[in-house]
Amino acid sequence: MSLPVIVEFGTAKISMDELIKLQKGDIIKLDTRINHEHPVKVDNKILFAGRVGIVNNHKAIKITKKFKADNNKTGDQNVS
């Protein structure tokens, strides 16, 4: 069985004009710091929180918290 796993590093608000003008190498400033916990969504539900790291020269997420699936039906739980 295959499920999508998404780590949300933060959010940002940009205008449509800024979006259209984005180019390779541009930087979008997010509303969270990289060393904070980030929500980890499985099948569009936040089930974990984790911190960014490196393992064997690969980017990784270390799971730091586990949430109950039944408490998170919308996937909108705040992690910080």
PDB file of N, CA and C in Angstrom:
ATOM      1  N   MET A   1       0.836  -1.169   0.000  1.00  0.00           N
ATOM      2  CA  MET A   1       0.000   0.000   0.000  1.00  0.00           C
ATOM      3  C   MET A   1       0.886   1.238   0.000  1.00  0.00           C
ATOM      4  N   SER A   2       0.518   2.207  -0.763  1.00  0.00           N
ATOM      5  CA  SER A   2       1.296   3.432  -0.883  1.00  0.00           C
ATOM      6  C   SER A   2       0.443   4.616  -0.439  1.00  0.00           C
ATOM      7  N   LEU A   3       0.987   5.442   0.469  1.00  0.00           N
ATOM      8  CA  LEU A   3       0.297   6.636   0.949  1.00  0.00           C
ATOM      9  C   LEU A   3       1.205   7.847   0.772  1.00  0.00           C
ATOM     10  N   PRO A   4       0.639   8.996   0.418  1.00  0.00           N
ATOM     11  CA  PRO A   4       1.470  10.199   0.306  1.00  0.00           C
ATOM     12  C   PRO A   4       1.905  10.693   1.684  1.00  0.00           C
ATOM     13  N   VAL A   5       3.186  11.054   1.807  1.00  0.00           N
ATOM     14  CA  VAL A   5       3.728  11.640   3.028  1.00  0.00           C
ATOM     15  C   VAL A   5       4.239  13.022   2.664  1.00  0.00           C
ATOM     16  N   ILE A   6       3.730  14.045   3.380  1.00  0.00           N
ATOM     17  CA  ILE A   6       4.087  15.432   3.093  1.00  0.00           C
ATOM     18  C   ILE A   6       4.583  16.087   4.371  1.00  0.00           C
ATOM     19  N   VAL A   7       5.721  16.774   4.286  1.00  0.00           N
ATOM     20  CA  VAL A   7       6.232  17.571   5.397  1.00  0.00           C
ATOM     21  C   VAL A   7       6.058  19.033   5.019  1.00  0.00           C
ATOM     22  N   GLU A   8       5.345  19.767   5.859  1.00  0.00           N
ATOM     23  CA  GLU A   8       5.088  21.180   5.582  1.00  0.00           C
ATOM     24  C   GLU A   8       6.097  22.014   6.379  1.00  0.00           C
ATOM     25  N   PHE A   9       7.027  22.645   5.674  1.00  0.00           N
ATOM     26  CA  PHE A   9       8.078  23.424   6.323  1.00  0.00           C
ATOM     27  C   PHE A   9       7.628  24.819   6.699  1.00  0.00           C
ATOM     28  N   GLY A  10       6.510  25.259   6.190  1.00  0.00           N
ATOM     29  CA  GLY A  10       5.991  26.585   6.513  1.00  0.00           C
ATOM     30  C   GLY A  10       5.088  27.068   5.408  1.00  0.00           C
ATOM     31  N   THR A  11       4.571  28.266   5.598  1.00  0.00           N
ATOM     32  CA  THR A  11       3.723  28.870   4.579  1.00  0.00           C
ATOM     33  C   THR A  11       4.224  30.278   4.299  1.00  0.00           C
ATOM     34  N   ALA A  12       3.813  30.800   3.174  1.00  0.00           N
ATOM     35  CA  ALA A  12       4.174  32.166   2.789  1.00  0.00           C
ATOM     36  C   ALA A  12       3.051  32.741   1.944  1.00  0.00           C
ATOM     37  N   LYS A  13       2.873  34.034   2.020  1.00  0.00           N
ATOM     38  CA  LYS A  13       1.902  34.705   1.164  1.00  0.00           C
ATOM     39  C   LYS A  13       2.672  35.522   0.143  1.00  0.00           C
ATOM     40  N   ILE A  14       2.388  35.234  -1.131  1.00  0.00           N
ATOM     41  CA  ILE A  14       2.978  36.018  -2.212  1.00  0.00           C
ATOM     42  C   ILE A  14       1.869  36.359  -3.200  1.00  0.00           C
ATOM     43  N   SER A  15       2.078  37.419  -3.926  1.00  0.00           N
ATOM     44  CA  SER A  15       1.069  37.833  -4.901  1.00  0.00           C
ATOM     45  C   SER A  15       1.152  36.939  -6.137  1.00  0.00           C
ATOM     46  N   MET A  16       0.104  36.975  -6.939  1.00  0.00           N
ATOM     47  CA  MET A  16       0.081  36.203  -8.178  1.00  0.00           C
ATOM     48  C   MET A  16       1.205  36.672  -9.102  1.00  0.00           C
ATOM     49  N   ASP A  17       1.469  37.970  -9.119  1.00  0.00           N
ATOM     50  CA  ASP A  17       2.549  38.519  -9.937  1.00  0.00           C
ATOM     51  C   ASP A  17       3.898  37.964  -9.491  1.00  0.00           C
ATOM     52  N   GLU A  18       4.121  37.907  -8.167  1.00  0.00           N
ATOM     53  CA  GLU A  18       5.371  37.336  -7.646  1.00  0.00           C
ATOM     54  C   GLU A  18       5.483  35.855  -8.016  1.00  0.00           C
ATOM     55  N   LEU A  19       4.368  35.129  -7.940  1.00  0.00           N
ATOM     56  CA  LEU A  19       4.361  33.713  -8.285  1.00  0.00           C
ATOM     57  C   LEU A  19       4.740  33.499  -9.744  1.00  0.00           C
ATOM     58  N   ILE A  20       4.170  34.290 -10.612  1.00  0.00           N
ATOM     59  CA  ILE A  20       4.441  34.170 -12.046  1.00  0.00           C
ATOM     60  C   ILE A  20       5.902  34.481 -12.362  1.00  0.00           C
ATOM     61  N   LYS A  21       6.494  35.409 -11.616  1.00  0.00           N
ATOM     62  CA  LYS A  21       7.876  35.837 -11.878  1.00  0.00           C
ATOM     63  C   LYS A  21       8.936  34.963 -11.206  1.00  0.00           C
ATOM     64  N   LEU A  22       8.521  33.953 -10.430  1.00  0.00           N
ATOM     65  CA  LEU A  22       9.508  33.090  -9.769  1.00  0.00           C
ATOM     66  C   LEU A  22      10.394  32.400 -10.797  1.00  0.00           C
ATOM     67  N   GLN A  23      11.675  32.312 -10.451  1.00  0.00           N
ATOM     68  CA  GLN A  23      12.640  31.638 -11.314  1.00  0.00           C
ATOM     69  C   GLN A  23      13.462  30.672 -10.481  1.00  0.00           C
ATOM     70  N   LYS A  24      14.118  29.759 -11.164  1.00  0.00           N
ATOM     71  CA  LYS A  24      14.995  28.811 -10.497  1.00  0.00           C
ATOM     72  C   LYS A  24      16.022  29.583  -9.669  1.00  0.00           C
ATOM     73  N   GLY A  25      16.164  29.190  -8.401  1.00  0.00           N
ATOM     74  CA  GLY A  25      17.122  29.846  -7.511  1.00  0.00           C
ATOM     75  C   GLY A  25      16.515  30.927  -6.633  1.00  0.00           C
ATOM     76  N   ASP A  26      15.283  31.370  -6.934  1.00  0.00           N
ATOM     77  CA  ASP A  26      14.610  32.358  -6.089  1.00  0.00           C
ATOM     78  C   ASP A  26      14.319  31.748  -4.722  1.00  0.00           C
ATOM     79  N   ILE A  27      14.233  32.592  -3.718  1.00  0.00           N
ATOM     80  CA  ILE A  27      13.979  32.147  -2.350  1.00  0.00           C
ATOM     81  C   ILE A  27      12.663  32.729  -1.876  1.00  0.00           C
ATOM     82  N   ILE A  28      11.831  31.880  -1.278  1.00  0.00           N
ATOM     83  CA  ILE A  28      10.574  32.312  -0.682  1.00  0.00           C
ATOM     84  C   ILE A  28      10.728  32.192   0.830  1.00  0.00           C
ATOM     85  N   LYS A  29      10.585  33.302   1.544  1.00  0.00           N
ATOM     86  CA  LYS A  29      10.725  33.294   3.003  1.00  0.00           C
ATOM     87  C   LYS A  29       9.452  32.722   3.626  1.00  0.00           C
ATOM     88  N   LEU A  30       9.624  31.704   4.461  1.00  0.00           N
ATOM     89  CA  LEU A  30       8.498  31.044   5.119  1.00  0.00           C
ATOM     90  C   LEU A  30       8.251  31.649   6.494  1.00  0.00           C
ATOM     91  N   ASP A  31       7.080  31.342   7.060  1.00  0.00           N
ATOM     92  CA  ASP A  31       6.688  31.906   8.345  1.00  0.00           C
ATOM     93  C   ASP A  31       7.199  31.118   9.554  1.00  0.00           C
ATOM     94  N   THR A  32       7.962  30.044   9.337  1.00  0.00           N
ATOM     95  CA  THR A  32       8.510  29.262  10.444  1.00  0.00           C
ATOM     96  C   THR A  32      10.016  29.114  10.278  1.00  0.00           C
ATOM     97  N   ARG A  33      10.676  28.822  11.369  1.00  0.00           N
ATOM     98  CA  ARG A  33      12.126  28.596  11.330  1.00  0.00           C
ATOM     99  C   ARG A  33      12.401  27.129  11.025  1.00  0.00           C
ATOM    100  N   ILE A  34      13.505  26.872  10.395  1.00  0.00           N
ATOM    101  CA  ILE A  34      13.847  25.514   9.983  1.00  0.00           C
ATOM    102  C   ILE A  34      14.072  24.598  11.185  1.00  0.00           C
ATOM    103  N   ASN A  35      14.475  25.150  12.350  1.00  0.00           N
ATOM    104  CA  ASN A  35      14.747  24.309  13.516  1.00  0.00           C
ATOM    105  C   ASN A  35      13.501  24.054  14.361  1.00  0.00           C
ATOM    106  N   HIS A  36      12.332  24.556  13.959  1.00  0.00           N
ATOM    107  CA  HIS A  36      11.081  24.263  14.654  1.00  0.00           C
ATOM    108  C   HIS A  36      10.539  22.915  14.198  1.00  0.00           C
ATOM    109  N   GLU A  37       9.563  22.399  14.937  1.00  0.00           N
ATOM    110  CA  GLU A  37       8.904  21.170  14.505  1.00  0.00           C
ATOM    111  C   GLU A  37       7.981  21.473  13.327  1.00  0.00           C
ATOM    112  N   HIS A  38       7.885  20.529  12.421  1.00  0.00           N
ATOM    113  CA  HIS A  38       7.067  20.690  11.226  1.00  0.00           C
ATOM    114  C   HIS A  38       6.042  19.564  11.159  1.00  0.00           C
ATOM    115  N   PRO A  39       4.820  19.874  10.706  1.00  0.00           N
ATOM    116  CA  PRO A  39       3.812  18.820  10.604  1.00  0.00           C
ATOM    117  C   PRO A  39       4.150  17.822   9.499  1.00  0.00           C
ATOM    118  N   VAL A  40       3.925  16.556   9.800  1.00  0.00           N
ATOM    119  CA  VAL A  40       4.126  15.481   8.832  1.00  0.00           C
ATOM    120  C   VAL A  40       2.747  14.881   8.557  1.00  0.00           C
ATOM    121  N   LYS A  41       2.291  15.051   7.323  1.00  0.00           N
ATOM    122  CA  LYS A  41       0.968  14.564   6.934  1.00  0.00           C
ATOM    123  C   LYS A  41       1.098  13.228   6.225  1.00  0.00           C
ATOM    124  N   VAL A  42       0.237  12.300   6.605  1.00  0.00           N
ATOM    125  CA  VAL A  42       0.140  11.008   5.927  1.00  0.00           C
ATOM    126  C   VAL A  42      -1.295  10.902   5.444  1.00  0.00           C
ATOM    127  N   ASP A  43      -1.467  10.732   4.161  1.00  0.00           N
ATOM    128  CA  ASP A  43      -2.794  10.676   3.551  1.00  0.00           C
ATOM    129  C   ASP A  43      -3.605  11.930   3.912  1.00  0.00           C
ATOM    130  N   ASN A  44      -2.935  13.086   3.885  1.00  0.00           N
ATOM    131  CA  ASN A  44      -3.512  14.407   4.126  1.00  0.00           C
ATOM    132  C   ASN A  44      -4.003  14.621   5.564  1.00  0.00           C
ATOM    133  N   LYS A  45      -3.492  13.840   6.523  1.00  0.00           N
ATOM    134  CA  LYS A  45      -3.814  14.018   7.938  1.00  0.00           C
ATOM    135  C   LYS A  45      -2.515  14.187   8.706  1.00  0.00           C
ATOM    136  N   ILE A  46      -2.463  15.178   9.598  1.00  0.00           N
ATOM    137  CA  ILE A  46      -1.258  15.371  10.398  1.00  0.00           C
ATOM    138  C   ILE A  46      -1.204  14.275  11.459  1.00  0.00           C
ATOM    139  N   LEU A  47      -0.238  13.381  11.311  1.00  0.00           N
ATOM    140  CA  LEU A  47      -0.075  12.288  12.260  1.00  0.00           C
ATOM    141  C   LEU A  47       1.178  12.423  13.105  1.00  0.00           C
ATOM    142  N   PHE A  48       2.145  13.227  12.627  1.00  0.00           N
ATOM    143  CA  PHE A  48       3.419  13.363  13.325  1.00  0.00           C
ATOM    144  C   PHE A  48       3.912  14.801  13.264  1.00  0.00           C
ATOM    145  N   ALA A  49       4.892  15.092  14.108  1.00  0.00           N
ATOM    146  CA  ALA A  49       5.662  16.325  14.007  1.00  0.00           C
ATOM    147  C   ALA A  49       7.123  15.904  13.960  1.00  0.00           C
ATOM    148  N   GLY A  50       7.940  16.683  13.262  1.00  0.00           N
ATOM    149  CA  GLY A  50       9.336  16.293  13.145  1.00  0.00           C
ATOM    150  C   GLY A  50      10.251  17.483  12.932  1.00  0.00           C
ATOM    151  N   ARG A  51      11.530  17.228  13.090  1.00  0.00           N
ATOM    152  CA  ARG A  51      12.566  18.243  12.882  1.00  0.00           C
ATOM    153  C   ARG A  51      13.444  17.842  11.703  1.00  0.00           C
ATOM    154  N   VAL A  52      13.902  18.848  10.973  1.00  0.00           N
ATOM    155  CA  VAL A  52      14.741  18.635   9.796  1.00  0.00           C
ATOM    156  C   VAL A  52      16.131  18.183  10.228  1.00  0.00           C
ATOM    157  N   GLY A  53      16.719  17.297   9.441  1.00  0.00           N
ATOM    158  CA  GLY A  53      18.068  16.828   9.720  1.00  0.00           C
ATOM    159  C   GLY A  53      18.714  16.250   8.474  1.00  0.00           C
ATOM    160  N   ILE A  54      19.899  15.688   8.668  1.00  0.00           N
ATOM    161  CA  ILE A  54      20.658  15.050   7.597  1.00  0.00           C
ATOM    162  C   ILE A  54      21.037  13.655   8.075  1.00  0.00           C
ATOM    163  N   VAL A  55      20.816  12.651   7.223  1.00  0.00           N
ATOM    164  CA  VAL A  55      21.221  11.274   7.514  1.00  0.00           C
ATOM    165  C   VAL A  55      21.958  10.751   6.295  1.00  0.00           C
ATOM    166  N   ASN A  56      23.216  10.365   6.477  1.00  0.00           N
ATOM    167  CA  ASN A  56      24.039   9.858   5.372  1.00  0.00           C
ATOM    168  C   ASN A  56      24.012  10.800   4.166  1.00  0.00           C
ATOM    169  N   ASN A  57      24.165  12.094   4.422  1.00  0.00           N
ATOM    170  CA  ASN A  57      24.169  13.139   3.395  1.00  0.00           C
ATOM    171  C   ASN A  57      22.837  13.276   2.650  1.00  0.00           C
ATOM    172  N   HIS A  58      21.747  12.798   3.237  1.00  0.00           N
ATOM    173  CA  HIS A  58      20.410  12.955   2.668  1.00  0.00           C
ATOM    174  C   HIS A  58      19.558  13.776   3.621  1.00  0.00           C
ATOM    175  N   LYS A  59      18.718  14.641   3.066  1.00  0.00           N
ATOM    176  CA  LYS A  59      17.788  15.407   3.884  1.00  0.00           C
ATOM    177  C   LYS A  59      16.799  14.443   4.512  1.00  0.00           C
ATOM    178  N   ALA A  60      16.432  14.715   5.778  1.00  0.00           N
ATOM    179  CA  ALA A  60      15.556  13.798   6.498  1.00  0.00           C
ATOM    180  C   ALA A  60      14.692  14.559   7.492  1.00  0.00           C
ATOM    181  N   ILE A  61      13.687  13.875   8.007  1.00  0.00           N
ATOM    182  CA  ILE A  61      12.821  14.397   9.073  1.00  0.00           C
ATOM    183  C   ILE A  61      12.893  13.408  10.223  1.00  0.00           C
ATOM    184  N   LYS A  62      13.201  13.909  11.408  1.00  0.00           N
ATOM    185  CA  LYS A  62      13.199  13.063  12.598  1.00  0.00           C
ATOM    186  C   LYS A  62      11.859  13.261  13.292  1.00  0.00           C
ATOM    187  N   ILE A  63      11.105  12.195  13.445  1.00  0.00           N
ATOM    188  CA  ILE A  63       9.800  12.267  14.089  1.00  0.00           C
ATOM    189  C   ILE A  63      10.006  12.545  15.581  1.00  0.00           C
ATOM    190  N   THR A  64       9.353  13.602  16.069  1.00  0.00           N
ATOM    191  CA  THR A  64       9.494  13.997  17.473  1.00  0.00           C
ATOM    192  C   THR A  64       8.206  13.842  18.271  1.00  0.00           C
ATOM    193  N   LYS A  65       7.071  13.803  17.581  1.00  0.00           N
ATOM    194  CA  LYS A  65       5.769  13.637  18.240  1.00  0.00           C
ATOM    195  C   LYS A  65       4.869  12.789  17.360  1.00  0.00           C
ATOM    196  N   LYS A  66       3.960  12.088  18.018  1.00  0.00           N
ATOM    197  CA  LYS A  66       2.938  11.328  17.303  1.00  0.00           C
ATOM    198  C   LYS A  66       1.585  11.807  17.799  1.00  0.00           C
ATOM    199  N   PHE A  67       0.665  12.066  16.871  1.00  0.00           N
ATOM    200  CA  PHE A  67      -0.676  12.507  17.222  1.00  0.00           C
ATOM    201  C   PHE A  67      -1.649  11.375  16.983  1.00  0.00           C
ATOM    202  N   LYS A  68      -2.733  11.363  17.723  1.00  0.00           N
ATOM    203  CA  LYS A  68      -3.774  10.362  17.512  1.00  0.00           C
ATOM    204  C   LYS A  68      -4.529  10.680  16.237  1.00  0.00           C
ATOM    205  N   ALA A  69      -4.697   9.701  15.392  1.00  0.00           N
ATOM    206  CA  ALA A  69      -5.365   9.901  14.102  1.00  0.00           C
ATOM    207  C   ALA A  69      -6.806  10.347  14.279  1.00  0.00           C
ATOM    208  N   ASP A  70      -7.509   9.863  15.317  1.00  0.00           N
ATOM    209  CA  ASP A  70      -8.915  10.213  15.504  1.00  0.00           C
ATOM    210  C   ASP A  70      -9.103  11.649  15.987  1.00  0.00           C
ATOM    211  N   ASN A  71      -8.053  12.294  16.512  1.00  0.00           N
ATOM    212  CA  ASN A  71      -8.131  13.686  16.961  1.00  0.00           C
ATOM    213  C   ASN A  71      -7.838  14.669  15.845  1.00  0.00           C
ATOM    214  N   ASN A  72      -7.582  14.186  14.658  1.00  0.00           N
ATOM    215  CA  ASN A  72      -7.098  15.046  13.585  1.00  0.00           C
ATOM    216  C   ASN A  72      -7.768  14.689  12.267  1.00  0.00           C
ATOM    217  N   LYS A  73      -9.046  14.876  12.198  1.00  0.00           N
ATOM    218  CA  LYS A  73      -9.783  14.497  10.993  1.00  0.00           C
ATOM    219  C   LYS A  73      -9.569  15.460   9.837  1.00  0.00           C
ATOM    220  N   THR A  74      -9.247  16.740  10.127  1.00  0.00           N
ATOM    221  CA  THR A  74      -9.115  17.726   9.061  1.00  0.00           C
ATOM    222  C   THR A  74      -7.687  17.955   8.616  1.00  0.00           C
ATOM    223  N   GLY A  75      -6.711  17.549   9.407  1.00  0.00           N
ATOM    224  CA  GLY A  75      -5.324  17.793   9.048  1.00  0.00           C
ATOM    225  C   GLY A  75      -4.885  19.215   9.349  1.00  0.00           C
ATOM    226  N   ASP A  76      -5.621  19.921  10.222  1.00  0.00           N
ATOM    227  CA  ASP A  76      -5.322  21.315  10.494  1.00  0.00           C
ATOM    228  C   ASP A  76      -4.696  21.556  11.861  1.00  0.00           C
ATOM    229  N   GLN A  77      -4.148  20.529  12.499  1.00  0.00           N
ATOM    230  CA  GLN A  77      -3.572  20.699  13.820  1.00  0.00           C
ATOM    231  C   GLN A  77      -2.340  21.581  13.750  1.00  0.00           C
ATOM    232  N   ASN A  78      -2.181  22.467  14.711  1.00  0.00           N
ATOM    233  CA  ASN A  78      -1.055  23.389  14.744  1.00  0.00           C
ATOM    234  C   ASN A  78       0.144  22.723  15.398  1.00  0.00           C
ATOM    235  N   VAL A  79       1.293  22.785  14.739  1.00  0.00           N
ATOM    236  CA  VAL A  79       2.527  22.204  15.256  1.00  0.00           C
ATOM    237  C   VAL A  79       3.557  23.297  15.364  1.00  0.00           C
ATOM    238  N   SER A  80       4.091  23.508  16.573  1.00  0.00           N
ATOM    239  CA  SER A  80       5.198  24.465  16.729  1.00  0.00           C
ATOM    240  C   SER A  80       5.878  24.287  18.056  1.00  0.00           C
TER     241      SER A  80
END
